[in-house]
Every structure is written in structure tokens, then in C-alpha cells.
C-alpha atoms as a PDB file:
ATOM      1  CA  MET A   1     101.568  90.226 114.893  1.00  0.00           C
ATOM      2  CA  PRO A   2     100.914  91.986 111.523  1.00  0.00           C
ATOM      3  CA  THR A   3     100.113  89.636 108.648  1.00  0.00           C
ATOM      4  CA  MET A   4     100.792  90.317 104.989  1.00  0.00           C
ATOM      5  CA  ILE A   5      97.599  90.242 102.927  1.00  0.00           C
ATOM      6  CA  PHE A   6      97.122  90.611  99.185  1.00  0.00           C
ATOM      7  CA  PRO A   7      96.638  93.163  98.012  1.00  0.00           C
ATOM      8  CA  PRO A   8      97.908  95.055 101.062  1.00  0.00           C
ATOM      9  CA  SER A   9      95.364  97.554 102.359  1.00  0.00           C
ATOM     10  CA  ARG A  10      97.702  99.416 104.728  1.00  0.00           C
ATOM     11  CA  ILE A  11     101.045 100.463 103.237  1.00  0.00           C
ATOM     12  CA  VAL A  12     103.785 102.620 104.736  1.00  0.00           C
ATOM     13  CA  CYS A  13     106.079 104.222 102.124  1.00  0.00           C
ATOM     14  CA  LEU A  14     109.478 105.304 103.392  1.00  0.00           C
ATOM     15  CA  THR A  15     110.496 106.824 100.038  1.00  0.00           C
ATOM     16  CA  GLU A  16     108.918 109.533  97.906  1.00  0.00           C
ATOM     17  CA  GLU A  17     109.002 107.576  94.648  1.00  0.00           C
ATOM     18  CA  THR A  18     106.712 104.803  95.907  1.00  0.00           C
ATOM     19  CA  VAL A  19     104.316 107.379  97.347  1.00  0.00           C
ATOM     20  CA  GLU A  20     104.056 109.174  94.014  1.00  0.00           C
ATOM     21  CA  THR A  21     103.659 105.905  92.132  1.00  0.00           C
ATOM     22  CA  LEU A  22     100.746 104.776  94.302  1.00  0.00           C
ATOM     23  CA  TYR A  23      99.028 108.150  93.832  1.00  0.00           C
ATOM     24  CA  LEU A  24      99.519 107.946  90.057  1.00  0.00           C
ATOM     25  CA  LEU A  25      97.996 104.464  90.071  1.00  0.00           C
ATOM     26  CA  GLY A  26      94.975 105.706  92.037  1.00  0.00           C
ATOM     27  CA  GLU A  27      95.959 103.501  94.981  1.00  0.00           C
ATOM     28  CA  GLU A  28      96.732 106.232  97.506  1.00  0.00           C
ATOM     29  CA  HIS A  29      93.943 105.029  99.787  1.00  0.00           C
ATOM     30  CA  ARG A  30      96.249 102.174 100.790  1.00  0.00           C
ATOM     31  CA  ILE A  31      98.931 104.535 102.157  1.00  0.00           C
ATOM     32  CA  VAL A  32      98.828 104.985 105.944  1.00  0.00           C
ATOM     33  CA  GLY A  33     102.258 106.557 106.492  1.00  0.00           C
ATOM     34  CA  VAL A  34     104.982 108.280 104.462  1.00  0.00           C
ATOM     35  CA  SER A  35     108.507 109.641 104.595  1.00  0.00           C
ATOM     36  CA  GLY A  36     108.913 113.214 105.744  1.00  0.00           C
ATOM     37  CA  TYR A  37     110.400 113.932 102.317  1.00  0.00           C
ATOM     38  CA  ALA A  38     107.218 113.000 100.469  1.00  0.00           C
ATOM     39  CA  VAL A  39     106.009 116.094  98.598  1.00  0.00           C
ATOM     40  CA  ARG A  40     104.420 114.690  95.418  1.00  0.00           C
ATOM     41  CA  PRO A  41     101.575 115.222  94.947  1.00  0.00           C
ATOM     42  CA  PRO A  42     101.499 118.292  97.223  1.00  0.00           C
ATOM     43  CA  ARG A  43      98.364 117.091  99.013  1.00  0.00           C
ATOM     44  CA  VAL A  44     100.244 114.119 100.443  1.00  0.00           C
ATOM     45  CA  ARG A  45     101.657 116.366 103.173  1.00  0.00           C
ATOM     46  CA  LYS A  46      98.144 117.032 104.457  1.00  0.00           C
ATOM     47  CA  GLU A  47      96.698 113.590 103.864  1.00  0.00           C
ATOM     48  CA  LYS A  48      99.278 111.157 105.222  1.00  0.00           C
ATOM     49  CA  PRO A  49     101.152 110.996 108.559  1.00  0.00           C
ATOM     50  CA  ARG A  50     104.935 111.271 108.368  1.00  0.00           C
ATOM     51  CA  VAL A  51     106.772 108.453 110.053  1.00  0.00           C
ATOM     52  CA  SER A  52     110.395 108.669 108.907  1.00  0.00           C
ATOM     53  CA  ALA A  53     113.286 110.671 107.569  1.00  0.00           C
ATOM     54  CA  PHE A  54     115.467 108.824 105.040  1.00  0.00           C
ATOM     55  CA  THR A  55     117.872 106.862 107.223  1.00  0.00           C
ATOM     56  CA  SER A  56     115.814 106.929 110.411  1.00  0.00           C
ATOM     57  CA  ALA A  57     112.221 106.075 111.257  1.00  0.00           C
ATOM     58  CA  ASP A  58     109.780 106.125 114.151  1.00  0.00           C
ATOM     59  CA  ILE A  59     109.396 102.353 114.439  1.00  0.00           C
ATOM     60  CA  PRO A  60     106.763 102.433 117.227  1.00  0.00           C
ATOM     61  CA  LYS A  61     104.690 104.865 115.165  1.00  0.00           C
ATOM     62  CA  ILE A  62     104.941 102.607 112.103  1.00  0.00           C
ATOM     63  CA  VAL A  63     104.001  99.526 114.128  1.00  0.00           C
ATOM     64  CA  ALA A  64     101.004 101.386 115.596  1.00  0.00           C
ATOM     65  CA  LEU A  65      99.721 101.994 112.063  1.00  0.00           C
ATOM     66  CA  GLU A  66      99.458  98.196 111.640  1.00  0.00           C
ATOM     67  CA  PRO A  67     100.777  98.137 108.054  1.00  0.00           C
ATOM     68  CA  ASP A  68     100.441  95.055 105.879  1.00  0.00           C
ATOM     69  CA  LEU A  69     103.531  96.167 103.962  1.00  0.00           C
ATOM     70  CA  VAL A  70     106.340  98.724 104.222  1.00  0.00           C
ATOM     71  CA  LEU A  71     108.148  99.926 101.084  1.00  0.00           C
ATOM     72  CA  THR A  72     111.793 100.960 101.514  1.00  0.00           C
ATOM     73  CA  PHE A  73     114.805 101.862  99.364  1.00  0.00           C
ATOM     74  CA  SER A  74     118.458 100.817  99.307  1.00  0.00           C
ATOM     75  CA  ASP A  75     120.972  99.687 101.894  1.00  0.00           C
ATOM     76  CA  LEU A  76     120.768 103.134 103.501  1.00  0.00           C
ATOM     77  CA  GLN A  77     117.497 101.991 105.078  1.00  0.00           C
ATOM     78  CA  ALA A  78     118.825  98.551 106.038  1.00  0.00           C
ATOM     79  CA  ALA A  79     118.765  99.288 109.773  1.00  0.00           C
ATOM     80  CA  ILE A  80     115.116 100.352 109.521  1.00  0.00           C
ATOM     81  CA  VAL A  81     114.279  97.188 107.576  1.00  0.00           C
ATOM     82  CA  VAL A  82     115.876  94.994 110.247  1.00  0.00           C
ATOM     83  CA  GLU A  83     113.789  96.597 113.011  1.00  0.00           C
ATOM     84  CA  LEU A  84     110.594  96.262 110.981  1.00  0.00           C
ATOM     85  CA  ILE A  85     111.241  92.602 110.206  1.00  0.00           C
ATOM     86  CA  ARG A  86     111.930  91.930 113.880  1.00  0.00           C
ATOM     87  CA  ALA A  87     108.570  93.550 114.614  1.00  0.00           C
ATOM     88  CA  GLY A  88     106.965  91.022 112.267  1.00  0.00           C
ATOM     89  CA  ILE A  89     106.172  93.503 109.486  1.00  0.00           C
ATOM     90  CA  ALA A  90     106.446  92.561 105.802  1.00  0.00           C
ATOM     91  CA  VAL A  91     108.942  94.727 103.897  1.00  0.00           C
ATOM     92  CA  HIS A  92     109.769  95.174 100.224  1.00  0.00           C
ATOM     93  CA  ALA A  93     113.097  96.921  99.604  1.00  0.00           C
ATOM     94  CA  PHE A  94     113.653  98.594  96.236  1.00  0.00           C
ATOM     95  CA  ASN A  95     117.100  99.455  94.875  1.00  0.00           C
ATOM     96  CA  GLN A  96     116.552 101.046  91.449  1.00  0.00           C
ATOM     97  CA  ARG A  97     119.517 103.055  90.142  1.00  0.00           C
ATOM     98  CA  SER A  98     118.712 103.417  86.436  1.00  0.00           C
ATOM     99  CA  ILE A  99     115.859 104.373  84.119  1.00  0.00           C
ATOM    100  CA  ALA A 100     115.130 100.679  83.571  1.00  0.00           C
ATOM    101  CA  GLY A 101     115.113 100.203  87.341  1.00  0.00           C
ATOM    102  CA  ILE A 102     112.631 103.052  87.811  1.00  0.00           C
ATOM    103  CA  LEU A 103     110.283 101.534  85.240  1.00  0.00           C
ATOM    104  CA  ALA A 104     110.600  98.132  86.913  1.00  0.00           C
ATOM    105  CA  MET A 105     109.839  99.717  90.298  1.00  0.00           C
ATOM    106  CA  ILE A 106     106.615 101.196  88.936  1.00  0.00           C
ATOM    107  CA  ARG A 107     105.523  97.836  87.579  1.00  0.00           C
ATOM    108  CA  THR A 108     106.460  96.058  90.813  1.00  0.00           C
ATOM    109  CA  VAL A 109     104.484  98.510  92.945  1.00  0.00           C
ATOM    110  CA  GLY A 110     101.531  97.923  90.659  1.00  0.00           C
ATOM    111  CA  ALA A 111     101.889  94.153  91.025  1.00  0.00           C
ATOM    112  CA  LEU A 112     102.101  94.435  94.813  1.00  0.00           C
ATOM    113  CA  VAL A 113      98.756  96.262  95.017  1.00  0.00           C
ATOM    114  CA  GLY A 114      96.959  94.250  92.335  1.00  0.00           C
ATOM    115  CA  SER A 115      97.092  97.049  89.778  1.00  0.00           C
ATOM    116  CA  LEU A 116      99.616  95.645  87.315  1.00  0.00           C
ATOM    117  CA  GLU A 117      97.707  96.653  84.178  1.00  0.00           C
ATOM    118  CA  LYS A 118      97.642 100.306  85.253  1.00  0.00           C
ATOM    119  CA  ALA A 119     101.306 100.111  86.206  1.00  0.00           C
ATOM    120  CA  HIS A 120     102.247  98.667  82.812  1.00  0.00           C
ATOM    121  CA  ALA A 121     100.343 101.486  81.106  1.00  0.00           C
ATOM    122  CA  LEU A 122     102.038 104.127  83.279  1.00  0.00           C
ATOM    123  CA  ALA A 123     105.522 102.706  82.703  1.00  0.00           C
ATOM    124  CA  HIS A 124     104.858 102.391  78.971  1.00  0.00           C
ATOM    125  CA  SER A 125     103.780 106.034  78.814  1.00  0.00           C
ATOM    126  CA  TYR A 126     107.142 107.012  80.298  1.00  0.00           C
ATOM    127  CA  GLU A 127     108.984 104.770  77.830  1.00  0.00           C
ATOM    128  CA  ARG A 128     107.224 106.523  74.938  1.00  0.00           C
ATOM    129  CA  ARG A 129     107.969 109.913  76.476  1.00  0.00           C
ATOM    130  CA  LEU A 130     111.673 109.125  76.828  1.00  0.00           C
ATOM    131  CA  ALA A 131     111.838 107.896  73.233  1.00  0.00           C
ATOM    132  CA  ASP A 132     110.017 110.984  71.910  1.00  0.00           C
ATOM    133  CA  ILE A 133     112.291 113.390  73.776  1.00  0.00           C
ATOM    134  CA  SER A 134     115.422 111.517  72.700  1.00  0.00           C
ATOM    135  CA  ALA A 135     114.286 111.671  69.061  1.00  0.00           C
ATOM    136  CA  ALA A 136     113.422 115.374  69.311  1.00  0.00           C
ATOM    137  CA  MET A 137     116.843 116.212  70.772  1.00  0.00           C
ATOM    138  CA  SER A 138     118.871 113.987  68.441  1.00  0.00           C
ATOM    139  CA  ASP A 139     119.391 116.671  65.779  1.00  0.00           C
ATOM    140  CA  MET A 140     120.721 119.214  68.265  1.00  0.00           C
ATOM    141  CA  ARG A 141     124.388 119.797  69.036  1.00  0.00           C
ATOM    142  CA  THR A 142     125.578 117.640  71.924  1.00  0.00           C
ATOM    143  CA  VAL A 143     126.296 119.612  75.095  1.00  0.00           C
ATOM    144  CA  ARG A 144     128.927 118.538  77.631  1.00  0.00           C
ATOM    145  CA  VAL A 145     127.200 118.441  81.027  1.00  0.00           C
ATOM    146  CA  TYR A 146     128.580 118.236  84.545  1.00  0.00           C
ATOM    147  CA  PHE A 147     125.955 117.243  87.098  1.00  0.00           C
ATOM    148  CA  GLU A 148     126.866 118.047  90.707  1.00  0.00           C
ATOM    149  CA  GLU A 149     124.989 116.077  93.352  1.00  0.00           C
ATOM    150  CA  TRP A 150     126.952 117.558  96.246  1.00  0.00           C
ATOM    151  CA  ASP A 151     129.453 120.384  96.650  1.00  0.00           C
ATOM    152  CA  ASP A 152     131.805 119.276  99.434  1.00  0.00           C
ATOM    153  CA  PRO A 153     133.225 116.947  98.322  1.00  0.00           C
ATOM    154  CA  LEU A 154     132.208 117.250  94.692  1.00  0.00           C
ATOM    155  CA  ILE A 155     129.966 114.317  93.764  1.00  0.00           C
ATOM    156  CA  SER A 156     128.868 113.625  90.195  1.00  0.00           C
ATOM    157  CA  GLY A 157     125.490 112.288  89.056  1.00  0.00           C
ATOM    158  CA  ILE A 158     124.149 108.804  89.797  1.00  0.00           C
ATOM    159  CA  GLY A 159     123.023 106.360  87.097  1.00  0.00           C
ATOM    160  CA  TRP A 160     119.530 107.542  86.197  1.00  0.00           C
ATOM    161  CA  VAL A 161     120.644 111.191  86.185  1.00  0.00           C
ATOM    162  CA  SER A 162     123.473 110.427  83.761  1.00  0.00           C
ATOM    163  CA  GLU A 163     121.077 108.487  81.532  1.00  0.00           C
ATOM    164  CA  LEU A 164     118.530 111.318  81.532  1.00  0.00           C
ATOM    165  CA  ILE A 165     121.238 113.773  80.474  1.00  0.00           C
ATOM    166  CA  GLU A 166     121.856 111.570  77.435  1.00  0.00           C
ATOM    167  CA  VAL A 167     118.116 111.277  76.679  1.00  0.00           C
ATOM    168  CA  ALA A 168     118.018 115.097  76.695  1.00  0.00           C
ATOM    169  CA  GLY A 169     120.833 115.311  74.154  1.00  0.00           C
ATOM    170  CA  GLY A 170     123.734 115.923  76.500  1.00  0.00           C
ATOM    171  CA  THR A 171     126.954 114.106  77.303  1.00  0.00           C
ATOM    172  CA  ASP A 172     127.689 113.501  80.976  1.00  0.00           C
ATOM    173  CA  VAL A 173     131.361 114.400  81.412  1.00  0.00           C
ATOM    174  CA  PHE A 174     131.556 111.859  84.255  1.00  0.00           C
ATOM    175  CA  GLY A 175     129.380 109.224  82.620  1.00  0.00           C
ATOM    176  CA  ASN A 176     132.053 106.660  83.432  1.00  0.00           C
ATOM    177  CA  LEU A 177     131.006 106.909  87.096  1.00  0.00           C
ATOM    178  CA  ARG A 178     127.268 106.467  86.583  1.00  0.00           C
ATOM    179  CA  ASN A 179     127.164 102.865  87.773  1.00  0.00           C
ATOM    180  CA  MET A 180     128.862 103.675  91.078  1.00  0.00           C
ATOM    181  CA  GLN A 181     125.985 103.369  93.552  1.00  0.00           C
ATOM    182  CA  ALA A 182     127.766 104.817  96.587  1.00  0.00           C
ATOM    183  CA  ALA A 183     128.220 108.577  96.577  1.00  0.00           C
ATOM    184  CA  LYS A 184     131.787 108.177  97.850  1.00  0.00           C
ATOM    185  CA  ASP A 185     132.644 106.362  94.625  1.00  0.00           C
ATOM    186  CA  ARG A 186     131.436 109.300  92.537  1.00  0.00           C
ATOM    187  CA  ILE A 187     133.643 111.912  94.209  1.00  0.00           C
ATOM    188  CA  VAL A 188     135.499 113.942  91.586  1.00  0.00           C
ATOM    189  CA  ALA A 189     138.372 116.399  91.755  1.00  0.00           C
ATOM    190  CA  ALA A 190     137.826 120.053  90.906  1.00  0.00           C
ATOM    191  CA  GLU A 191     140.748 119.845  88.493  1.00  0.00           C
ATOM    192  CA  ASP A 192     139.055 117.003  86.610  1.00  0.00           C
ATOM    193  CA  VAL A 193     135.937 119.120  86.122  1.00  0.00           C
ATOM    194  CA  ILE A 194     138.120 121.902  84.714  1.00  0.00           C
ATOM    195  CA  ASP A 195     139.867 119.450  82.383  1.00  0.00           C
ATOM    196  CA  ARG A 196     136.551 118.102  81.043  1.00  0.00           C
ATOM    197  CA  ASN A 197     135.332 121.654  80.475  1.00  0.00           C
ATOM    198  CA  PRO A 198     131.556 121.228  80.672  1.00  0.00           C
ATOM    199  CA  GLN A 199     129.411 123.603  78.641  1.00  0.00           C
ATOM    200  CA  LEU A 200     126.590 123.292  81.180  1.00  0.00           C
ATOM    201  CA  ILE A 201     126.638 122.713  84.928  1.00  0.00           C
ATOM    202  CA  LEU A 202     123.526 121.213  86.502  1.00  0.00           C
ATOM    203  CA  ALA A 203     123.478 121.182  90.287  1.00  0.00           C
ATOM    204  CA  SER A 204     121.186 119.578  92.833  1.00  0.00           C
ATOM    205  CA  TRP A 205     122.742 119.539  96.279  1.00  0.00           C
ATOM    206  CA  CYS A 206     120.581 116.812  97.795  1.00  0.00           C
ATOM    207  CA  GLY A 207     118.097 119.063  99.587  1.00  0.00           C
ATOM    208  CA  LYS A 208     120.414 122.036 100.108  1.00  0.00           C
ATOM    209  CA  LYS A 209     119.973 125.223  98.068  1.00  0.00           C
ATOM    210  CA  VAL A 210     122.497 125.549  95.277  1.00  0.00           C
ATOM    211  CA  VAL A 211     124.597 128.726  95.422  1.00  0.00           C
ATOM    212  CA  ALA A 212     125.745 129.355  91.867  1.00  0.00           C
ATOM    213  CA  ASP A 213     128.173 132.089  92.894  1.00  0.00           C
ATOM    214  CA  ARG A 214     130.013 129.602  95.090  1.00  0.00           C
ATOM    215  CA  ILE A 215     130.504 127.421  92.029  1.00  0.00           C
ATOM    216  CA  ARG A 216     131.730 130.352  89.935  1.00  0.00           C
ATOM    217  CA  ARG A 217     134.322 131.354  92.546  1.00  0.00           C
ATOM    218  CA  ARG A 218     136.057 127.972  92.739  1.00  0.00           C
ATOM    219  CA  PRO A 219     139.760 128.365  91.896  1.00  0.00           C
ATOM    220  CA  GLY A 220     140.385 127.803  88.213  1.00  0.00           C
ATOM    221  CA  TRP A 221     136.729 127.345  87.318  1.00  0.00           C
ATOM    222  CA  GLU A 222     136.711 130.628  85.411  1.00  0.00           C
ATOM    223  CA  ARG A 223     138.315 128.580  82.619  1.00  0.00           C
ATOM    224  CA  ILE A 224     135.226 126.360  82.330  1.00  0.00           C
ATOM    225  CA  GLU A 225     132.920 127.256  79.426  1.00  0.00           C
ATOM    226  CA  ALA A 226     129.770 126.799  81.542  1.00  0.00           C
ATOM    227  CA  VAL A 227     131.065 129.341  84.054  1.00  0.00           C
ATOM    228  CA  GLN A 228     132.219 131.778  81.380  1.00  0.00           C
ATOM    229  CA  LYS A 229     128.779 131.725  79.738  1.00  0.00           C
ATOM    230  CA  ASP A 230     126.865 131.644  83.054  1.00  0.00           C
ATOM    231  CA  ARG A 231     125.283 128.274  82.371  1.00  0.00           C
ATOM    232  CA  ILE A 232     124.842 127.028  85.931  1.00  0.00           C
ATOM    233  CA  VAL A 233     121.357 125.664  86.566  1.00  0.00           C
ATOM    234  CA  GLU A 234     119.841 124.304  89.763  1.00  0.00           C
ATOM    235  CA  ILE A 235     117.376 121.406  89.575  1.00  0.00           C
ATOM    236  CA  LYS A 236     115.402 120.846  92.770  1.00  0.00           C
ATOM    237  CA  SER A 237     116.297 117.580  94.500  1.00  0.00           C
ATOM    238  CA  PRO A 238     112.747 116.115  94.608  1.00  0.00           C
ATOM    239  CA  LEU A 239     112.619 116.383  90.807  1.00  0.00           C
ATOM    240  CA  ILE A 240     115.851 114.612  89.959  1.00  0.00           C
ATOM    241  CA  LEU A 241     117.505 112.836  92.906  1.00  0.00           C
ATOM    242  CA  GLN A 242     114.629 110.484  93.707  1.00  0.00           C
ATOM    243  CA  PRO A 243     114.496 107.513  91.305  1.00  0.00           C
ATOM    244  CA  GLY A 244     110.812 107.645  90.480  1.00  0.00           C
ATOM    245  CA  PRO A 245     108.225 109.275  88.197  1.00  0.00           C
ATOM    246  CA  ALA A 246     109.342 112.844  88.980  1.00  0.00           C
ATOM    247  CA  ALA A 247     112.782 112.219  87.480  1.00  0.00           C
ATOM    248  CA  LEU A 248     111.227 110.934  84.240  1.00  0.00           C
ATOM    249  CA  THR A 249     108.907 113.927  83.928  1.00  0.00           C
ATOM    250  CA  GLU A 250     109.746 117.268  85.550  1.00  0.00           C
ATOM    251  CA  GLY A 251     113.353 116.303  86.207  1.00  0.00           C
ATOM    252  CA  LEU A 252     113.952 115.368  82.582  1.00  0.00           C
ATOM    253  CA  ASP A 253     112.065 118.477  81.417  1.00  0.00           C
ATOM    254  CA  ALA A 254     114.392 120.666  83.506  1.00  0.00           C
ATOM    255  CA  ILE A 255     117.425 119.033  81.898  1.00  0.00           C
ATOM    256  CA  VAL A 256     115.965 119.474  78.405  1.00  0.00           C
ATOM    257  CA  THR A 257     115.231 123.154  79.069  1.00  0.00           C
ATOM    258  CA  ALA A 258     118.773 123.774  80.306  1.00  0.00           C
ATOM    259  CA  ILE A 259     120.360 121.973  77.356  1.00  0.00           C
ATOM    260  CA  ARG A 260     118.186 123.824  74.836  1.00  0.00           C
ATOM    261  CA  ALA A 261     119.214 127.130  76.418  1.00  0.00           C
ATOM    262  CA  SER A 262     122.880 126.105  76.074  1.00  0.00           C
ATOM    263  CA  GLN A 263     122.704 125.550  72.327  1.00  0.00           C
END
């Protein structure tokens, strides 16, 4: 029966954001298995065995790795967590949905591996970065932004994405939905997007390539300013839809670049 030790020397990460955090903290030697979606840093795909998708996992393979701890995310992995607990494996489930939650996740991962000081420094560097970017963008004209997380049905951006749009000097036209954790609660009508007339459309279809022409051809969307001025920008899912360091760095940078180009 696996036994939790401190700090854990054998960790399985079932989400990309915890993988990246451990690498950034210099604690990647503890990782013995990762999600198949882990791509940051690029070398992780060569260095660590893949043991799961997002909502499914190879439980026997995880058990065979004899982890001291498995890191998971959200209720979508609840079934995996139950199987791991029944197998006697210690699990920590994260559920961050905001910028503050991402920063707390980084600090918690650091605490779990006995590297809290490094984690505090890393999180603080992101806090300074967010403040600097917000200050730099504050004098620019606010841009109305529609973020599309999925195309059928239309799903607007989750909490941290909406917050990052504001840090970058934009206004999320569906910011009222940001605290809705379930994607089904962020479904929007095409007519509502037209009515809110975004000046910029950011799209990240959760791992599927964005087809801008499909967005342009939606009935009535020719009346939207972003479509008229060809301001439809794809942001790759690993950069923005995973609530971890990537969203606060390259994801935010992509939003800033798109907003600057829309001025």
C-alpha cells in the first residue's frame, strides 16, 4: 500500500499546470507520470511517461509507478480520484478558476514539495508582472472583447480568462458569466454576441483548431465590428485554457498583442 511521505519523491501530475509549476520550481525530478496533454516545457514529452487524458486515466499504470502523491484538477477528474483513493494513493485535487486561484495553486504545490520559498517568489513575480502590464495598458482605449472557448454551442471565457482580458486593457463582453465554472453555464446565443458588438474576437476551441472563416460566416455576424475589421485571433489552448503559469505569461501576452493591434 503506497504511503504518503513528505516531501513526496514520486508525484503523478494529471494536469499540465502542476507539471509546469514543478518544472519552474526545479522540482521536476519528483514527477514520475504526467497527463497526455502536458507540453510545457517541451522536454516533458520525452522525459515523463504519460498516464492519463483529462477525464480518464490508466489507473494500473499509475499504481505501478508507486506515487507518493497524485495531483488532479476539478470535479471532471472526480472518478479518477475515487479510484486512486480506493487504491490507497494520496491525492490532492486543485480547483483554481481565477488569477488568485492560480497563484494559490503555485504556492500550494511549492508547500507540498517543501519548496515554499521558491513558490512564493515565483507567484510574486507573476503578481508584479500582472500589475506592470495592467499599468502599461491603462492609458489605452478599452477594447470590447468576446472570448470563445467553444464553437458549438458558443461558450464564453472562464474566470481567469475574463480577468486576464481586463488586465490587458480589454472589457469582456460576457464578463458577467466569468464565475460560472461549468461550461454549460457559459453558453451564449449568437444574437447576444451580435448585440454586444465586440471589437475583438479571441478564440481558443479547447484543443481544436480555430477556423476564423467559420466565425465570419455566421448569420448576422457581418454586423460585428471585430468581423468587419478582421480582428479574429486564435490563442492556442495550452496557453490560455489551463489555469497555470502559461496563462499568466504567454497567454496574457497573446491577449495584450491582440488588444494592442485592435487600437
